[in-house]
Protein backbone atom coordinates (compact mmCIF):
# COMPACT_ATOMS: atom_id res chain seq x y z
CA MET A 1 -6.94 10.06 -3.34
CA THR A 2 -4.65 6.83 -2.91
CA LEU A 3 -5.96 4.84 -0.22
CA PRO A 4 -3.40 2.79 1.87
CA PHE A 5 -5.04 -0.51 1.29
CA ARG A 6 -6.90 -2.26 -1.48
CA PRO A 7 -9.45 -4.94 -1.30
CA ALA A 8 -8.76 -8.31 -2.08
CA ARG A 9 -10.35 -10.22 -4.69
CA PRO A 10 -14.26 -10.12 -4.35
CA LEU A 11 -14.88 -13.93 -3.76
CA ALA A 12 -12.36 -14.03 -1.14
CA ARG A 13 -13.76 -10.94 0.73
CA LEU A 14 -17.32 -12.63 0.52
CA LEU A 15 -16.17 -15.86 1.79
CA ALA A 16 -14.30 -13.92 4.66
CA CYS A 17 -17.56 -12.32 5.80
CA LEU A 18 -19.38 -15.51 5.73
CA PHE A 19 -16.95 -17.13 7.87
CA ALA A 20 -16.59 -14.02 10.39
CA GLY A 21 -20.61 -14.02 10.33
CA LEU A 22 -20.64 -17.78 11.59
CA LEU A 23 -17.81 -17.13 14.37
CA ALA A 24 -19.90 -14.29 15.54
CA LEU A 25 -22.54 -16.92 16.02
CA ALA A 26 -20.57 -19.19 18.41
CA PRO A 27 -20.83 -18.09 21.86
CA GLY A 28 -18.02 -17.03 24.18
CA ARG A 29 -13.94 -17.15 22.73
CA LEU A 30 -12.52 -19.47 20.46
CA ALA A 31 -9.36 -21.16 22.07
CA LEU A 32 -6.53 -22.17 20.11
CA ALA A 33 -4.00 -24.44 21.49
CA GLN A 34 -0.67 -22.78 21.92
CA GLY A 35 2.22 -24.99 23.88
CA ASP A 36 1.37 -25.80 27.51
CA GLY A 37 -1.38 -22.90 27.34
CA ALA A 38 -4.04 -21.40 25.17
CA ALA A 39 -4.19 -18.41 23.23
CA THR A 40 -7.42 -16.96 22.78
CA VAL A 41 -9.05 -15.03 19.81
CA GLY A 42 -11.78 -12.56 20.85
CA LEU A 43 -15.02 -12.75 19.13
CA GLY A 44 -16.41 -9.53 20.04
CA ALA A 45 -15.26 -9.72 23.55
CA GLY A 46 -13.02 -6.70 24.95
CA ILE A 47 -9.37 -6.98 24.35
CA GLU A 48 -7.44 -7.45 27.51
CA ALA A 49 -4.14 -5.56 28.26
CA GLY A 50 -1.17 -7.74 29.41
CA LEU A 51 1.66 -9.93 28.03
CA GLY A 52 1.20 -11.77 24.84
CA PRO A 53 2.66 -15.01 24.32
CA SER A 54 5.73 -13.63 22.53
CA GLY A 55 6.33 -11.84 25.89
CA LEU A 56 5.46 -8.61 24.27
CA PRO A 57 2.97 -6.27 25.62
CA LEU A 58 -0.79 -6.19 24.08
CA PRO A 59 -2.01 -4.27 22.66
CA ARG A 60 1.05 -2.37 20.96
CA PHE A 61 1.78 -0.44 18.04
CA VAL A 62 4.02 -1.25 15.55
CA THR A 63 4.43 -0.46 11.63
CA LEU A 64 4.12 -2.34 8.34
CA ARG A 65 7.60 -3.82 7.29
CA ALA A 66 6.81 -4.02 3.40
CA ALA A 67 4.81 -1.62 0.57
CA GLU A 68 2.30 -4.99 0.30
CA VAL A 69 0.76 -6.45 3.38
CA ASN A 70 -1.81 -9.08 3.13
CA LEU A 71 -4.52 -8.82 5.75
CA ARG A 72 -6.07 -12.18 6.47
CA SER A 73 -9.46 -13.06 8.17
CA GLY A 74 -7.34 -15.85 10.59
CA PRO A 75 -4.01 -16.74 11.58
CA GLY A 76 -2.65 -18.56 8.84
CA VAL A 77 -2.30 -18.87 4.78
CA ARG A 78 -5.36 -21.06 4.59
CA TYR A 79 -7.42 -17.77 5.60
CA PRO A 80 -8.79 -15.61 2.66
CA ILE A 81 -7.15 -12.27 2.25
CA GLU A 82 -9.35 -9.52 3.32
CA TRP A 83 -7.40 -6.31 2.55
CA VAL A 84 -4.10 -5.65 1.08
CA PHE A 85 -2.27 -2.67 2.68
CA THR A 86 -0.24 -0.91 0.44
CA ARG A 87 1.66 1.36 2.55
CA LYS A 88 5.19 0.73 4.26
CA GLY A 89 5.63 2.25 7.68
CA LEU A 90 2.00 2.56 8.50
CA PRO A 91 1.45 2.36 12.13
CA VAL A 92 -1.08 -0.46 13.23
CA GLU A 93 -1.78 -1.64 16.64
CA VAL A 94 -1.33 -5.35 17.70
CA ILE A 95 -4.12 -6.69 19.35
CA ASP A 96 -3.79 -10.72 19.66
CA GLU A 97 -0.67 -13.07 18.89
CA PHE A 98 -1.18 -16.96 17.66
CA GLU A 99 2.16 -18.49 16.82
CA THR A 100 3.71 -16.57 14.43
CA TRP A 101 0.84 -14.52 13.53
CA ARG A 102 -0.42 -11.16 14.78
CA ARG A 103 -3.83 -9.72 15.01
CA ILE A 104 -3.65 -6.12 13.84
CA ARG A 105 -6.13 -3.32 13.75
CA ASP A 106 -5.66 -0.04 11.68
CA TRP A 107 -6.82 3.52 12.10
CA GLN A 108 -10.23 2.85 11.18
CA ASP A 109 -10.73 -0.25 13.64
CA SER A 110 -10.54 -2.66 10.44
CA GLU A 111 -8.92 -6.22 11.89
CA GLY A 112 -7.27 -8.82 10.85
CA TRP A 113 -4.09 -11.33 10.86
CA VAL A 114 -0.67 -10.40 9.09
CA HIS A 115 2.36 -12.70 9.59
CA GLN A 116 5.04 -11.27 12.06
CA SER A 117 7.62 -11.25 9.49
CA MET A 118 5.41 -8.19 7.87
CA LEU A 119 5.61 -6.01 11.04
CA SER A 120 8.80 -4.02 12.43
CA GLY A 121 8.80 -2.73 16.02
CA GLN A 122 9.59 0.80 14.60
CA ARG A 123 7.20 3.14 15.95
CA GLY A 124 4.90 5.29 13.21
CA ALA A 125 2.59 7.99 13.34
CA MET A 126 -0.35 8.73 10.77
CA VAL A 127 -1.87 12.51 10.86
CA VAL A 128 -5.51 11.96 11.45
CA GLY A 129 -8.48 14.26 11.21
CA ALA A 130 -7.49 17.08 9.25
CA ASP A 131 -4.13 18.93 8.12
CA ARG A 132 -1.90 20.00 10.88
CA LEU A 133 0.85 22.52 11.58
CA LEU A 134 4.08 20.44 12.58
CA ARG A 135 5.71 22.82 15.51
CA ARG A 136 9.01 23.66 16.35
CA ALA A 137 8.64 22.63 19.99
CA PRO A 138 5.78 21.18 22.09
CA GLU A 139 3.88 24.15 22.49
CA PRO A 140 0.61 25.56 20.99
CA GLY A 141 1.99 28.79 20.37
CA ALA A 142 5.36 27.41 19.04
CA PRO A 143 6.38 28.46 15.48
CA ALA A 144 5.16 26.13 12.45
CA ILE A 145 7.64 24.10 10.51
CA ALA A 146 5.52 22.96 8.15
CA GLU A 147 1.77 21.93 7.33
CA VAL A 148 1.21 18.34 7.32
CA GLN A 149 -1.78 16.71 5.22
CA VAL A 150 -4.30 14.43 6.69
CA ARG A 151 -3.16 10.40 6.25
CA VAL A 152 0.80 11.48 6.16
CA VAL A 153 2.92 8.61 7.72
CA GLY A 154 6.03 9.54 9.27
CA ARG A 155 8.19 7.93 12.14
CA LEU A 156 7.35 8.68 15.50
CA HIS A 157 10.54 9.48 17.96
CA ASN A 158 9.38 10.91 21.02
CA CYS A 159 6.06 11.37 23.11
CA ARG A 160 5.72 13.46 26.39
CA ASP A 161 3.27 15.76 27.82
CA GLY A 162 0.62 15.32 25.20
CA TRP A 163 2.83 15.94 22.32
CA CYS A 164 4.69 13.63 19.98
CA LEU A 165 7.97 14.35 17.88
CA ILE A 166 7.54 12.77 14.31
CA GLU A 167 9.63 13.03 11.23
CA ALA A 168 7.72 13.31 8.29
CA LYS A 169 8.23 14.30 4.31
CA GLY A 170 11.75 15.29 5.41
CA PHE A 171 10.23 17.57 8.39
CA GLU A 172 10.95 16.83 12.01
CA GLY A 173 8.48 18.58 14.27
CA TRP A 174 5.91 18.20 16.99
CA LEU A 175 1.94 17.59 16.95
CA ARG A 176 -0.25 17.03 19.82
CA GLN A 177 -1.16 13.29 20.77
CA GLY A 178 -4.63 13.28 19.59
CA GLU A 179 -3.69 14.79 16.33
CA ILE A 180 -1.95 11.36 15.14
CA TYR A 181 -2.56 7.79 15.26
CA GLY A 182 0.22 5.65 16.50
CA ALA A 183 0.54 6.23 20.16
CA TYR A 184 -1.80 5.76 23.08
CA PRO A 185 -3.43 8.78 24.84
CA GLY A 186 -1.09 9.78 27.58
CA GLU A 187 1.49 7.39 26.50
CA THR A 188 5.56 8.75 27.04
CA LEU A 189 7.98 7.37 24.58
CA ASN A 190 11.57 7.78 24.62
């Protein structure tokens, strides 16, 4: 089985863990100056919904633009690489912003920073939990078009009434919203 990421160099991973441990000892939140306000990077605190400094909503789903994307421990090239994602189109959630860097979270709740140029606003979906039946219509009894394997990644076209229309591996059909990663529960997408 091929994973959509690979660990970075062992020394860089160790340094990232040590750095994260030191930050965890700091109380509260770390403020990073940005223009006339401040962007905050949560240190274990809950992520608040709203607009980010870019004017786009936080949190939000996006996809990886390239086949290799470095996930860093902080917002900048001086921070060590923790993971390298190796799957173009993989859906991830943007949970924070700092200048041109975006803090993202994947389907396994791994978090890190990537440059905004490595992200696309196109929506994507990944099948989670188990193999699923792609259906012709958004109904439990609708005819199956194909069986889609767990961790298959596709394009997300539409979500309504707890169902999402996705295109994957040359097939287009409907899955229940809870069967994919890439859409929020109850989210409507046109």
